[in-house]
Amino acid sequence: MPCLPSDRYTALPIQRYLKTGATAYTEIADAFASRKPAALRAALAKHAAVLERDRNGGMAKQTTAALVRRNVLRLTQTYLTLSLAV
């Protein structure tokens, strides 16, 4: 499940560039979309050099905490909407 911009809002040349020119960021986005913190940490470690080169290391460090918060929020929403009646 690749995490690319919607065809509706993004020009075709930009979509092509994202697939080929920004693979590090696409892999990180895919790992975030998988909702698995271990996969995200692995993608961040794999592309640490690219992130530091682009000066996005600080932002990348925030993504793991954001994923955990998002997962907790999603699970909270799930359990709040469950009916307790049998």
PDB file of N, CA and C in Angstrom:
ATOM      1  N   MET A   1       0.838  -1.164   0.000  1.00  0.00           N
ATOM      2  CA  MET A   1       0.000   0.000   0.000  1.00  0.00           C
ATOM      3  C   MET A   1       0.888   1.233   0.000  1.00  0.00           C
ATOM      4  N   PRO A   2       1.273   1.734  -1.155  1.00  0.00           N
ATOM      5  CA  PRO A   2       2.149   2.897  -1.192  1.00  0.00           C
ATOM      6  C   PRO A   2       1.425   4.146  -0.734  1.00  0.00           C
ATOM      7  N   CYS A   3       2.170   4.968  -0.042  1.00  0.00           N
ATOM      8  CA  CYS A   3       1.587   6.195   0.493  1.00  0.00           C
ATOM      9  C   CYS A   3       1.991   7.365  -0.406  1.00  0.00           C
ATOM     10  N   LEU A   4       1.340   7.484  -1.519  1.00  0.00           N
ATOM     11  CA  LEU A   4       1.620   8.557  -2.459  1.00  0.00           C
ATOM     12  C   LEU A   4       0.449   9.521  -2.504  1.00  0.00           C
ATOM     13  N   PRO A   5       0.701  10.749  -2.923  1.00  0.00           N
ATOM     14  CA  PRO A   5      -0.395  11.709  -3.008  1.00  0.00           C
ATOM     15  C   PRO A   5      -1.492  11.221  -3.957  1.00  0.00           C
ATOM     16  N   SER A   6      -2.657  11.722  -3.720  1.00  0.00           N
ATOM     17  CA  SER A   6      -3.809  11.337  -4.525  1.00  0.00           C
ATOM     18  C   SER A   6      -3.623  11.789  -5.970  1.00  0.00           C
ATOM     19  N   ASP A   7      -4.033  10.943  -6.908  1.00  0.00           N
ATOM     20  CA  ASP A   7      -3.957  11.290  -8.324  1.00  0.00           C
ATOM     21  C   ASP A   7      -4.777  12.541  -8.615  1.00  0.00           C
ATOM     22  N   ARG A   8      -5.792  12.723  -7.858  1.00  0.00           N
ATOM     23  CA  ARG A   8      -6.717  13.821  -8.106  1.00  0.00           C
ATOM     24  C   ARG A   8      -6.074  15.193  -7.873  1.00  0.00           C
ATOM     25  N   TYR A   9      -5.190  15.284  -6.904  1.00  0.00           N
ATOM     26  CA  TYR A   9      -4.643  16.574  -6.514  1.00  0.00           C
ATOM     27  C   TYR A   9      -3.186  16.798  -6.919  1.00  0.00           C
ATOM     28  N   THR A  10      -2.505  15.770  -7.358  1.00  0.00           N
ATOM     29  CA  THR A  10      -1.081  15.883  -7.642  1.00  0.00           C
ATOM     30  C   THR A  10      -0.808  15.651  -9.124  1.00  0.00           C
ATOM     31  N   ALA A  11       0.002  16.526  -9.683  1.00  0.00           N
ATOM     32  CA  ALA A  11       0.347  16.415 -11.100  1.00  0.00           C
ATOM     33  C   ALA A  11       1.137  15.129 -11.345  1.00  0.00           C
ATOM     34  N   LEU A  12       0.966  14.558 -12.513  1.00  0.00           N
ATOM     35  CA  LEU A  12       1.611  13.306 -12.866  1.00  0.00           C
ATOM     36  C   LEU A  12       3.143  13.377 -12.779  1.00  0.00           C
ATOM     37  N   PRO A  13       3.797  14.450 -13.267  1.00  0.00           N
ATOM     38  CA  PRO A  13       5.264  14.497 -13.136  1.00  0.00           C
ATOM     39  C   PRO A  13       5.724  14.465 -11.679  1.00  0.00           C
ATOM     40  N   ILE A  14       4.963  15.052 -10.795  1.00  0.00           N
ATOM     41  CA  ILE A  14       5.336  15.042  -9.374  1.00  0.00           C
ATOM     42  C   ILE A  14       5.172  13.638  -8.807  1.00  0.00           C
ATOM     43  N   GLN A  15       4.129  12.948  -9.195  1.00  0.00           N
ATOM     44  CA  GLN A  15       3.941  11.567  -8.736  1.00  0.00           C
ATOM     45  C   GLN A  15       5.097  10.688  -9.202  1.00  0.00           C
ATOM     46  N   ARG A  16       5.513  10.868 -10.446  1.00  0.00           N
ATOM     47  CA  ARG A  16       6.636  10.074 -10.966  1.00  0.00           C
ATOM     48  C   ARG A  16       7.913  10.379 -10.206  1.00  0.00           C
ATOM     49  N   TYR A  17       8.141  11.665  -9.908  1.00  0.00           N
ATOM     50  CA  TYR A  17       9.343  12.045  -9.171  1.00  0.00           C
ATOM     51  C   TYR A  17       9.331  11.428  -7.769  1.00  0.00           C
ATOM     52  N   LEU A  18       8.194  11.425  -7.121  1.00  0.00           N
ATOM     53  CA  LEU A  18       8.120  10.868  -5.781  1.00  0.00           C
ATOM     54  C   LEU A  18       8.443   9.377  -5.769  1.00  0.00           C
ATOM     55  N   LYS A  19       8.052   8.681  -6.811  1.00  0.00           N
ATOM     56  CA  LYS A  19       8.335   7.245  -6.876  1.00  0.00           C
ATOM     57  C   LYS A  19       9.830   6.984  -7.065  1.00  0.00           C
ATOM     58  N   THR A  20      10.500   7.849  -7.836  1.00  0.00           N
ATOM     59  CA  THR A  20      11.900   7.588  -8.152  1.00  0.00           C
ATOM     60  C   THR A  20      12.878   8.465  -7.366  1.00  0.00           C
ATOM     61  N   GLY A  21      12.548   9.714  -7.166  1.00  0.00           N
ATOM     62  CA  GLY A  21      13.495  10.649  -6.570  1.00  0.00           C
ATOM     63  C   GLY A  21      13.438  10.766  -5.070  1.00  0.00           C
ATOM     64  N   ALA A  22      12.344  10.395  -4.470  1.00  0.00           N
ATOM     65  CA  ALA A  22      12.196  10.544  -3.021  1.00  0.00           C
ATOM     66  C   ALA A  22      11.833   9.211  -2.384  1.00  0.00           C
ATOM     67  N   THR A  23      12.560   8.182  -2.752  1.00  0.00           N
ATOM     68  CA  THR A  23      12.220   6.845  -2.260  1.00  0.00           C
ATOM     69  C   THR A  23      12.374   6.732  -0.750  1.00  0.00           C
ATOM     70  N   ALA A  24      13.349   7.430  -0.183  1.00  0.00           N
ATOM     71  CA  ALA A  24      13.540   7.358   1.269  1.00  0.00           C
ATOM     72  C   ALA A  24      12.296   7.856   1.987  1.00  0.00           C
ATOM     73  N   TYR A  25      11.786   8.974   1.535  1.00  0.00           N
ATOM     74  CA  TYR A  25      10.604   9.556   2.175  1.00  0.00           C
ATOM     75  C   TYR A  25       9.353   8.717   1.909  1.00  0.00           C
ATOM     76  N   THR A  26       9.283   8.114   0.746  1.00  0.00           N
ATOM     77  CA  THR A  26       8.124   7.268   0.437  1.00  0.00           C
ATOM     78  C   THR A  26       8.137   6.020   1.317  1.00  0.00           C
ATOM     79  N   GLU A  27       9.309   5.453   1.522  1.00  0.00           N
ATOM     80  CA  GLU A  27       9.401   4.278   2.384  1.00  0.00           C
ATOM     81  C   GLU A  27       9.046   4.611   3.823  1.00  0.00           C
ATOM     82  N   ILE A  28       9.467   5.784   4.286  1.00  0.00           N
ATOM     83  CA  ILE A  28       9.130   6.206   5.649  1.00  0.00           C
ATOM     84  C   ILE A  28       7.622   6.425   5.761  1.00  0.00           C
ATOM     85  N   ALA A  29       7.031   7.037   4.761  1.00  0.00           N
ATOM     86  CA  ALA A  29       5.581   7.264   4.772  1.00  0.00           C
ATOM     87  C   ALA A  29       4.827   5.938   4.742  1.00  0.00           C
ATOM     88  N   ASP A  30       5.307   4.990   3.965  1.00  0.00           N
ATOM     89  CA  ASP A  30       4.668   3.666   3.918  1.00  0.00           C
ATOM     90  C   ASP A  30       4.776   2.957   5.269  1.00  0.00           C
ATOM     91  N   ALA A  31       5.936   3.098   5.919  1.00  0.00           N
ATOM     92  CA  ALA A  31       6.116   2.478   7.234  1.00  0.00           C
ATOM     93  C   ALA A  31       5.182   3.126   8.257  1.00  0.00           C
ATOM     94  N   PHE A  32       5.009   4.430   8.184  1.00  0.00           N
ATOM     95  CA  PHE A  32       4.077   5.121   9.078  1.00  0.00           C
ATOM     96  C   PHE A  32       2.649   4.650   8.820  1.00  0.00           C
ATOM     97  N   ALA A  33       2.298   4.495   7.549  1.00  0.00           N
ATOM     98  CA  ALA A  33       0.947   4.065   7.184  1.00  0.00           C
ATOM     99  C   ALA A  33       0.674   2.631   7.612  1.00  0.00           C
ATOM    100  N   SER A  34       1.727   1.833   7.792  1.00  0.00           N
ATOM    101  CA  SER A  34       1.534   0.445   8.222  1.00  0.00           C
ATOM    102  C   SER A  34       1.128   0.348   9.688  1.00  0.00           C
ATOM    103  N   ARG A  35       1.266   1.440  10.442  1.00  0.00           N
ATOM    104  CA  ARG A  35       0.894   1.525  11.862  1.00  0.00           C
ATOM    105  C   ARG A  35       1.758   0.647  12.757  1.00  0.00           C
ATOM    106  N   LYS A  36       2.948   0.280  12.286  1.00  0.00           N
ATOM    107  CA  LYS A  36       3.840  -0.573  13.071  1.00  0.00           C
ATOM    108  C   LYS A  36       5.073   0.238  13.480  1.00  0.00           C
ATOM    109  N   PRO A  37       5.235   0.523  14.772  1.00  0.00           N
ATOM    110  CA  PRO A  37       6.384   1.311  15.220  1.00  0.00           C
ATOM    111  C   PRO A  37       7.733   0.685  14.850  1.00  0.00           C
ATOM    112  N   ALA A  38       7.817  -0.643  14.886  1.00  0.00           N
ATOM    113  CA  ALA A  38       9.084  -1.304  14.543  1.00  0.00           C
ATOM    114  C   ALA A  38       9.452  -1.065  13.076  1.00  0.00           C
ATOM    115  N   ALA A  39       8.459  -1.123  12.198  1.00  0.00           N
ATOM    116  CA  ALA A  39       8.721  -0.876  10.773  1.00  0.00           C
ATOM    117  C   ALA A  39       9.142   0.569  10.544  1.00  0.00           C
ATOM    118  N   LEU A  40       8.521   1.488  11.281  1.00  0.00           N
ATOM    119  CA  LEU A  40       8.888   2.900  11.146  1.00  0.00           C
ATOM    120  C   LEU A  40      10.301   3.141  11.643  1.00  0.00           C
ATOM    121  N   ARG A  41      10.639   2.554  12.798  1.00  0.00           N
ATOM    122  CA  ARG A  41      12.008   2.722  13.318  1.00  0.00           C
ATOM    123  C   ARG A  41      13.035   2.155  12.348  1.00  0.00           C
ATOM    124  N   ALA A  42      12.732   1.026  11.733  1.00  0.00           N
ATOM    125  CA  ALA A  42      13.660   0.424  10.771  1.00  0.00           C
ATOM    126  C   ALA A  42      13.832   1.319   9.550  1.00  0.00           C
ATOM    127  N   ALA A  43      12.745   1.889   9.049  1.00  0.00           N
ATOM    128  CA  ALA A  43      12.834   2.783   7.884  1.00  0.00           C
ATOM    129  C   ALA A  43      13.611   4.049   8.235  1.00  0.00           C
ATOM    130  N   LEU A  44      13.389   4.578   9.434  1.00  0.00           N
ATOM    131  CA  LEU A  44      14.125   5.777   9.852  1.00  0.00           C
ATOM    132  C   LEU A  44      15.614   5.480   9.995  1.00  0.00           C
ATOM    133  N   ALA A  45      15.952   4.318  10.541  1.00  0.00           N
ATOM    134  CA  ALA A  45      17.365   3.949  10.684  1.00  0.00           C
ATOM    135  C   ALA A  45      18.009   3.731   9.318  1.00  0.00           C
ATOM    136  N   LYS A  46      17.262   3.120   8.417  1.00  0.00           N
ATOM    137  CA  LYS A  46      17.791   2.846   7.077  1.00  0.00           C
ATOM    138  C   LYS A  46      18.098   4.138   6.322  1.00  0.00           C
ATOM    139  N   HIS A  47      17.267   5.144   6.500  1.00  0.00           N
ATOM    140  CA  HIS A  47      17.414   6.388   5.739  1.00  0.00           C
ATOM    141  C   HIS A  47      17.901   7.552   6.597  1.00  0.00           C
ATOM    142  N   ALA A  48      18.584   7.260   7.695  1.00  0.00           N
ATOM    143  CA  ALA A  48      19.051   8.302   8.603  1.00  0.00           C
ATOM    144  C   ALA A  48      19.997   9.282   7.903  1.00  0.00           C
ATOM    145  N   ALA A  49      20.859   8.785   7.044  1.00  0.00           N
ATOM    146  CA  ALA A  49      21.810   9.658   6.364  1.00  0.00           C
ATOM    147  C   ALA A  49      21.101  10.661   5.452  1.00  0.00           C
ATOM    148  N   VAL A  50      20.088  10.192   4.748  1.00  0.00           N
ATOM    149  CA  VAL A  50      19.332  11.077   3.849  1.00  0.00           C
ATOM    150  C   VAL A  50      18.589  12.130   4.663  1.00  0.00           C
ATOM    151  N   LEU A  51      17.991  11.721   5.767  1.00  0.00           N
ATOM    152  CA  LEU A  51      17.245  12.654   6.608  1.00  0.00           C
ATOM    153  C   LEU A  51      18.160  13.721   7.193  1.00  0.00           C
ATOM    154  N   GLU A  52      19.330  13.326   7.653  1.00  0.00           N
ATOM    155  CA  GLU A  52      20.279  14.296   8.206  1.00  0.00           C
ATOM    156  C   GLU A  52      20.818  15.224   7.116  1.00  0.00           C
ATOM    157  N   ARG A  53      21.074  14.678   5.942  1.00  0.00           N
ATOM    158  CA  ARG A  53      21.553  15.496   4.832  1.00  0.00           C
ATOM    159  C   ARG A  53      20.536  16.573   4.462  1.00  0.00           C
ATOM    160  N   ASP A  54      19.257  16.196   4.491  1.00  0.00           N
ATOM    161  CA  ASP A  54      18.189  17.138   4.150  1.00  0.00           C
ATOM    162  C   ASP A  54      17.752  17.982   5.339  1.00  0.00           C
ATOM    163  N   ARG A  55      18.415  17.788   6.464  1.00  0.00           N
ATOM    164  CA  ARG A  55      18.094  18.492   7.707  1.00  0.00           C
ATOM    165  C   ARG A  55      16.667  18.224   8.178  1.00  0.00           C
ATOM    166  N   ASN A  56      16.246  17.000   8.041  1.00  0.00           N
ATOM    167  CA  ASN A  56      14.933  16.580   8.506  1.00  0.00           C
ATOM    168  C   ASN A  56      15.037  15.554   9.626  1.00  0.00           C
ATOM    169  N   GLY A  57      16.203  15.464  10.249  1.00  0.00           N
ATOM    170  CA  GLY A  57      16.408  14.493  11.318  1.00  0.00           C
ATOM    171  C   GLY A  57      15.500  14.735  12.513  1.00  0.00           C
ATOM    172  N   GLY A  58      15.338  15.992  12.903  1.00  0.00           N
ATOM    173  CA  GLY A  58      14.469  16.318  14.034  1.00  0.00           C
ATOM    174  C   GLY A  58      13.025  15.958  13.769  1.00  0.00           C
ATOM    175  N   MET A  59      12.584  16.243  12.563  1.00  0.00           N
ATOM    176  CA  MET A  59      11.219  15.906  12.191  1.00  0.00           C
ATOM    177  C   MET A  59      11.033  14.388  12.198  1.00  0.00           C
ATOM    178  N   ALA A  60      12.020  13.674  11.715  1.00  0.00           N
ATOM    179  CA  ALA A  60      11.929  12.218  11.658  1.00  0.00           C
ATOM    180  C   ALA A  60      11.840  11.617  13.058  1.00  0.00           C
ATOM    181  N   LYS A  61      12.540  12.216  14.018  1.00  0.00           N
ATOM    182  CA  LYS A  61      12.491  11.707  15.390  1.00  0.00           C
ATOM    183  C   LYS A  61      11.099  11.862  15.988  1.00  0.00           C
ATOM    184  N   GLN A  62      10.349  12.841  15.533  1.00  0.00           N
ATOM    185  CA  GLN A  62       9.002  13.062  16.058  1.00  0.00           C
ATOM    186  C   GLN A  62       7.986  12.073  15.498  1.00  0.00           C
ATOM    187  N   THR A  63       8.307  11.423  14.393  1.00  0.00           N
ATOM    188  CA  THR A  63       7.317  10.555  13.748  1.00  0.00           C
ATOM    189  C   THR A  63       6.991   9.308  14.571  1.00  0.00           C
ATOM    190  N   THR A  64       7.977   8.766  15.276  1.00  0.00           N
ATOM    191  CA  THR A  64       7.716   7.576  16.076  1.00  0.00           C
ATOM    192  C   THR A  64       6.740   7.894  17.202  1.00  0.00           C
ATOM    193  N   ALA A  65       6.953   9.007  17.887  1.00  0.00           N
ATOM    194  CA  ALA A  65       6.034   9.413  18.957  1.00  0.00           C
ATOM    195  C   ALA A  65       4.650   9.714  18.388  1.00  0.00           C
ATOM    196  N   ALA A  66       4.612  10.331  17.216  1.00  0.00           N
ATOM    197  CA  ALA A  66       3.325  10.636  16.583  1.00  0.00           C
ATOM    198  C   ALA A  66       2.584   9.354  16.219  1.00  0.00           C
ATOM    199  N   LEU A  67       3.309   8.350  15.765  1.00  0.00           N
ATOM    200  CA  LEU A  67       2.671   7.079  15.415  1.00  0.00           C
ATOM    201  C   LEU A  67       2.091   6.410  16.655  1.00  0.00           C
ATOM    202  N   VAL A  68       2.826   6.436  17.745  1.00  0.00           N
ATOM    203  CA  VAL A  68       2.335   5.835  18.983  1.00  0.00           C
ATOM    204  C   VAL A  68       1.080   6.571  19.452  1.00  0.00           C
ATOM    205  N   ARG A  69       1.110   7.911  19.420  1.00  0.00           N
ATOM    206  CA  ARG A  69      -0.069   8.696  19.811  1.00  0.00           C
ATOM    207  C   ARG A  69      -1.264   8.367  18.926  1.00  0.00           C
ATOM    208  N   ARG A  70      -1.016   8.256  17.636  1.00  0.00           N
ATOM    209  CA  ARG A  70      -2.103   7.961  16.693  1.00  0.00           C
ATOM    210  C   ARG A  70      -2.684   6.572  16.941  1.00  0.00           C
ATOM    211  N   ASN A  71      -1.819   5.596  17.221  1.00  0.00           N
ATOM    212  CA  ASN A  71      -2.301   4.243  17.506  1.00  0.00           C
ATOM    213  C   ASN A  71      -3.129   4.211  18.792  1.00  0.00           C
ATOM    214  N   VAL A  72      -2.678   4.931  19.823  1.00  0.00           N
ATOM    215  CA  VAL A  72      -3.429   4.984  21.073  1.00  0.00           C
ATOM    216  C   VAL A  72      -4.783   5.646  20.842  1.00  0.00           C
ATOM    217  N   LEU A  73      -4.797   6.723  20.094  1.00  0.00           N
ATOM    218  CA  LEU A  73      -6.049   7.411  19.792  1.00  0.00           C
ATOM    219  C   LEU A  73      -7.006   6.508  19.015  1.00  0.00           C
ATOM    220  N   ARG A  74      -6.465   5.796  18.047  1.00  0.00           N
ATOM    221  CA  ARG A  74      -7.297   4.892  17.241  1.00  0.00           C
ATOM    222  C   ARG A  74      -7.884   3.782  18.104  1.00  0.00           C
ATOM    223  N   LEU A  75      -7.070   3.198  18.974  1.00  0.00           N
ATOM    224  CA  LEU A  75      -7.567   2.141  19.860  1.00  0.00           C
ATOM    225  C   LEU A  75      -8.575   2.682  20.869  1.00  0.00           C
ATOM    226  N   THR A  76      -8.341   3.898  21.357  1.00  0.00           N
ATOM    227  CA  THR A  76      -9.284   4.517  22.279  1.00  0.00           C
ATOM    228  C   THR A  76     -10.633   4.711  21.609  1.00  0.00           C
ATOM    229  N   GLN A  77     -10.618   5.187  20.388  1.00  0.00           N
ATOM    230  CA  GLN A  77     -11.868   5.376  19.646  1.00  0.00           C
ATOM    231  C   GLN A  77     -12.590   4.041  19.451  1.00  0.00           C
ATOM    232  N   THR A  78     -11.835   3.004  19.188  1.00  0.00           N
ATOM    233  CA  THR A  78     -12.429   1.685  18.978  1.00  0.00           C
ATOM    234  C   THR A  78     -13.130   1.197  20.239  1.00  0.00           C
ATOM    235  N   TYR A  79     -12.442   1.288  21.371  1.00  0.00           N
ATOM    236  CA  TYR A  79     -13.015   0.752  22.607  1.00  0.00           C
ATOM    237  C   TYR A  79     -14.096   1.648  23.193  1.00  0.00           C
ATOM    238  N   LEU A  80     -14.100   2.923  22.894  1.00  0.00           N
ATOM    239  CA  LEU A  80     -15.163   3.808  23.360  1.00  0.00           C
ATOM    240  C   LEU A  80     -16.460   3.565  22.602  1.00  0.00           C
ATOM    241  N   THR A  81     -16.354   3.101  21.370  1.00  0.00           N
ATOM    242  CA  THR A  81     -17.550   2.886  20.575  1.00  0.00           C
ATOM    243  C   THR A  81     -18.100   1.468  20.681  1.00  0.00           C
ATOM    244  N   LEU A  82     -17.379   0.584  21.323  1.00  0.00           N
ATOM    245  CA  LEU A  82     -17.873  -0.784  21.516  1.00  0.00           C
ATOM    246  C   LEU A  82     -19.019  -0.789  22.526  1.00  0.00           C
ATOM    247  N   SER A  83     -20.002  -1.565  22.251  1.00  0.00           N
ATOM    248  CA  SER A  83     -21.134  -1.700  23.155  1.00  0.00           C
ATOM    249  C   SER A  83     -20.790  -2.715  24.241  1.00  0.00           C
ATOM    250  N   LEU A  84     -21.153  -2.404  25.472  1.00  0.00           N
ATOM    251  CA  LEU A  84     -20.899  -3.322  26.567  1.00  0.00           C
ATOM    252  C   LEU A  84     -22.054  -4.294  26.760  1.00  0.00           C
ATOM    253  N   ALA A  85     -23.163  -4.049  26.114  1.00  0.00           N
ATOM    254  CA  ALA A  85     -24.311  -4.946  26.228  1.00  0.00           C
ATOM    255  C   ALA A  85     -24.029  -6.229  25.458  1.00  0.00           C
ATOM    256  N   VAL A  86     -24.477  -7.330  26.013  1.00  0.00           N
ATOM    257  CA  VAL A  86     -24.246  -8.617  25.370  1.00  0.00           C
ATOM    258  C   VAL A  86     -25.420  -8.999  24.503  1.00  0.00           C
TER     259      VAL A  86
END
